[in-house]
Amino acid sequence: MLNKLRNKLDHLDRQILYLVEKRLTVATRIGLVKKKTGLLILDRNRDKIVVKKWLDEAAKLKLNKKFIETLCTLIIKESKRIQGL
């Protein structure tokens, strides 16, 4: 029983990592578009919108607000890093 549950967690962890990689790939492409069009990489307003969307969805799922905010912020920071900021 325990091994089955751990295997499920392992599978979910791989899915999370796959989705993070896909998100960062899109963020890289956004960075290229921004550079090409002369836009700034840093867009605090967009970052706030993204965090709010995450928190709204997290509330529906009854997830810990602070945890989700921290997770989202880390992903945004990594997105900015790979965009060259």
C-alpha atoms as a PDB file:
ATOM      1  CA  MET A   1       0.000   0.000   0.000  1.00  0.00           C
ATOM      2  CA  LEU A   2       2.712   2.487   0.999  1.00  0.00           C
ATOM      3  CA  ASN A   3       4.774   1.702  -2.094  1.00  0.00           C
ATOM      4  CA  LYS A   4       1.746   2.232  -4.340  1.00  0.00           C
ATOM      5  CA  LEU A   5       1.121   5.632  -2.807  1.00  0.00           C
ATOM      6  CA  ARG A   6       4.777   6.575  -3.106  1.00  0.00           C
ATOM      7  CA  ASN A   7       4.752   5.512  -6.745  1.00  0.00           C
ATOM      8  CA  LYS A   8       1.757   7.792  -7.309  1.00  0.00           C
ATOM      9  CA  LEU A   9       3.675  10.660  -5.708  1.00  0.00           C
ATOM     10  CA  ASP A  10       6.693   9.906  -7.899  1.00  0.00           C
ATOM     11  CA  HIS A  11       4.475  10.045 -10.977  1.00  0.00           C
ATOM     12  CA  LEU A  12       2.916  13.330  -9.867  1.00  0.00           C
ATOM     13  CA  ASP A  13       6.355  14.783  -9.143  1.00  0.00           C
ATOM     14  CA  ARG A  14       7.473  13.959 -12.694  1.00  0.00           C
ATOM     15  CA  GLN A  15       4.349  15.639 -14.049  1.00  0.00           C
ATOM     16  CA  ILE A  16       5.026  18.762 -11.980  1.00  0.00           C
ATOM     17  CA  LEU A  17       8.603  18.928 -13.259  1.00  0.00           C
ATOM     18  CA  TYR A  18       7.436  18.425 -16.851  1.00  0.00           C
ATOM     19  CA  LEU A  19       4.946  21.279 -16.503  1.00  0.00           C
ATOM     20  CA  VAL A  20       7.553  23.567 -14.928  1.00  0.00           C
ATOM     21  CA  GLU A  21       9.889  22.826 -17.844  1.00  0.00           C
ATOM     22  CA  LYS A  22       7.116  23.609 -20.348  1.00  0.00           C
ATOM     23  CA  ARG A  23       6.320  26.866 -18.538  1.00  0.00           C
ATOM     24  CA  LEU A  24       9.965  27.923 -18.542  1.00  0.00           C
ATOM     25  CA  THR A  25      10.213  27.132 -22.261  1.00  0.00           C
ATOM     26  CA  VAL A  26       7.287  29.476 -22.921  1.00  0.00           C
ATOM     27  CA  ALA A  27       8.866  32.088 -20.638  1.00  0.00           C
ATOM     28  CA  THR A  28      12.059  31.848 -22.695  1.00  0.00           C
ATOM     29  CA  ARG A  29      10.093  32.477 -25.872  1.00  0.00           C
ATOM     30  CA  ILE A  30       8.360  35.449 -24.233  1.00  0.00           C
ATOM     31  CA  GLY A  31      11.776  36.827 -23.295  1.00  0.00           C
ATOM     32  CA  LEU A  32      12.914  36.595 -26.913  1.00  0.00           C
ATOM     33  CA  VAL A  33       9.794  38.426 -28.099  1.00  0.00           C
ATOM     34  CA  LYS A  34      10.308  41.125 -25.475  1.00  0.00           C
ATOM     35  CA  LYS A  35      13.928  41.617 -26.536  1.00  0.00           C
ATOM     36  CA  LYS A  36      12.988  41.718 -30.215  1.00  0.00           C
ATOM     37  CA  THR A  37      10.266  44.305 -29.615  1.00  0.00           C
ATOM     38  CA  GLY A  38      12.242  46.383 -27.118  1.00  0.00           C
ATOM     39  CA  LEU A  39      10.015  45.601 -24.138  1.00  0.00           C
ATOM     40  CA  LEU A  40      11.417  45.337 -20.630  1.00  0.00           C
ATOM     41  CA  ILE A  41      11.753  41.847 -19.183  1.00  0.00           C
ATOM     42  CA  LEU A  42      10.489  43.020 -15.811  1.00  0.00           C
ATOM     43  CA  ASP A  43       6.738  43.627 -15.731  1.00  0.00           C
ATOM     44  CA  ARG A  44       5.666  43.888 -12.110  1.00  0.00           C
ATOM     45  CA  ASN A  45       2.022  44.412 -13.059  1.00  0.00           C
ATOM     46  CA  ARG A  46       1.980  41.112 -14.986  1.00  0.00           C
ATOM     47  CA  ASP A  47       3.729  39.376 -12.105  1.00  0.00           C
ATOM     48  CA  LYS A  48       1.015  40.608  -9.715  1.00  0.00           C
ATOM     49  CA  ILE A  49      -1.687  39.364 -12.079  1.00  0.00           C
ATOM     50  CA  VAL A  50      -0.067  35.920 -12.295  1.00  0.00           C
ATOM     51  CA  VAL A  51       0.280  35.644  -8.508  1.00  0.00           C
ATOM     52  CA  LYS A  52      -3.354  36.692  -8.045  1.00  0.00           C
ATOM     53  CA  LYS A  53      -4.526  34.058 -10.546  1.00  0.00           C
ATOM     54  CA  TRP A  54      -2.540  31.411  -8.700  1.00  0.00           C
ATOM     55  CA  LEU A  55      -3.930  32.510  -5.338  1.00  0.00           C
ATOM     56  CA  ASP A  56      -7.499  32.588  -6.627  1.00  0.00           C
ATOM     57  CA  GLU A  57      -7.170  29.064  -7.991  1.00  0.00           C
ATOM     58  CA  ALA A  58      -5.403  27.896  -4.823  1.00  0.00           C
ATOM     59  CA  ALA A  59      -8.263  29.229  -2.697  1.00  0.00           C
ATOM     60  CA  LYS A  60     -10.740  27.161  -4.726  1.00  0.00           C
ATOM     61  CA  LEU A  61      -8.575  24.104  -4.099  1.00  0.00           C
ATOM     62  CA  LYS A  62      -8.124  24.994  -0.409  1.00  0.00           C
ATOM     63  CA  LEU A  63      -4.340  25.140  -0.729  1.00  0.00           C
ATOM     64  CA  ASN A  64      -2.133  27.061   1.679  1.00  0.00           C
ATOM     65  CA  LYS A  65      -1.941  30.668   0.474  1.00  0.00           C
ATOM     66  CA  LYS A  66       1.614  31.329   1.670  1.00  0.00           C
ATOM     67  CA  PHE A  67       2.921  28.120   0.109  1.00  0.00           C
ATOM     68  CA  ILE A  68       1.320  28.883  -3.265  1.00  0.00           C
ATOM     69  CA  GLU A  69       2.498  32.492  -3.200  1.00  0.00           C
ATOM     70  CA  THR A  70       6.062  31.327  -2.476  1.00  0.00           C
ATOM     71  CA  LEU A  71       5.933  28.674  -5.187  1.00  0.00           C
ATOM     72  CA  CYS A  72       4.563  31.098  -7.766  1.00  0.00           C
ATOM     73  CA  THR A  73       7.137  33.740  -6.861  1.00  0.00           C
ATOM     74  CA  LEU A  74       9.973  31.224  -7.255  1.00  0.00           C
ATOM     75  CA  ILE A  75       8.715  30.201 -10.675  1.00  0.00           C
ATOM     76  CA  ILE A  76       8.400  33.841 -11.748  1.00  0.00           C
ATOM     77  CA  LYS A  77      11.946  34.547 -10.521  1.00  0.00           C
ATOM     78  CA  GLU A  78      13.296  31.614 -12.514  1.00  0.00           C
ATOM     79  CA  SER A  79      11.369  32.816 -15.566  1.00  0.00           C
ATOM     80  CA  LYS A  80      12.996  36.240 -15.254  1.00  0.00           C
ATOM     81  CA  ARG A  81      16.418  34.646 -14.772  1.00  0.00           C
ATOM     82  CA  ILE A  82      16.173  32.652 -17.979  1.00  0.00           C
ATOM     83  CA  GLN A  83      14.850  35.688 -19.819  1.00  0.00           C
ATOM     84  CA  GLY A  84      18.104  37.421 -18.960  1.00  0.00           C
ATOM     85  CA  LEU A  85      17.100  39.702 -16.099  1.00  0.00           C
END
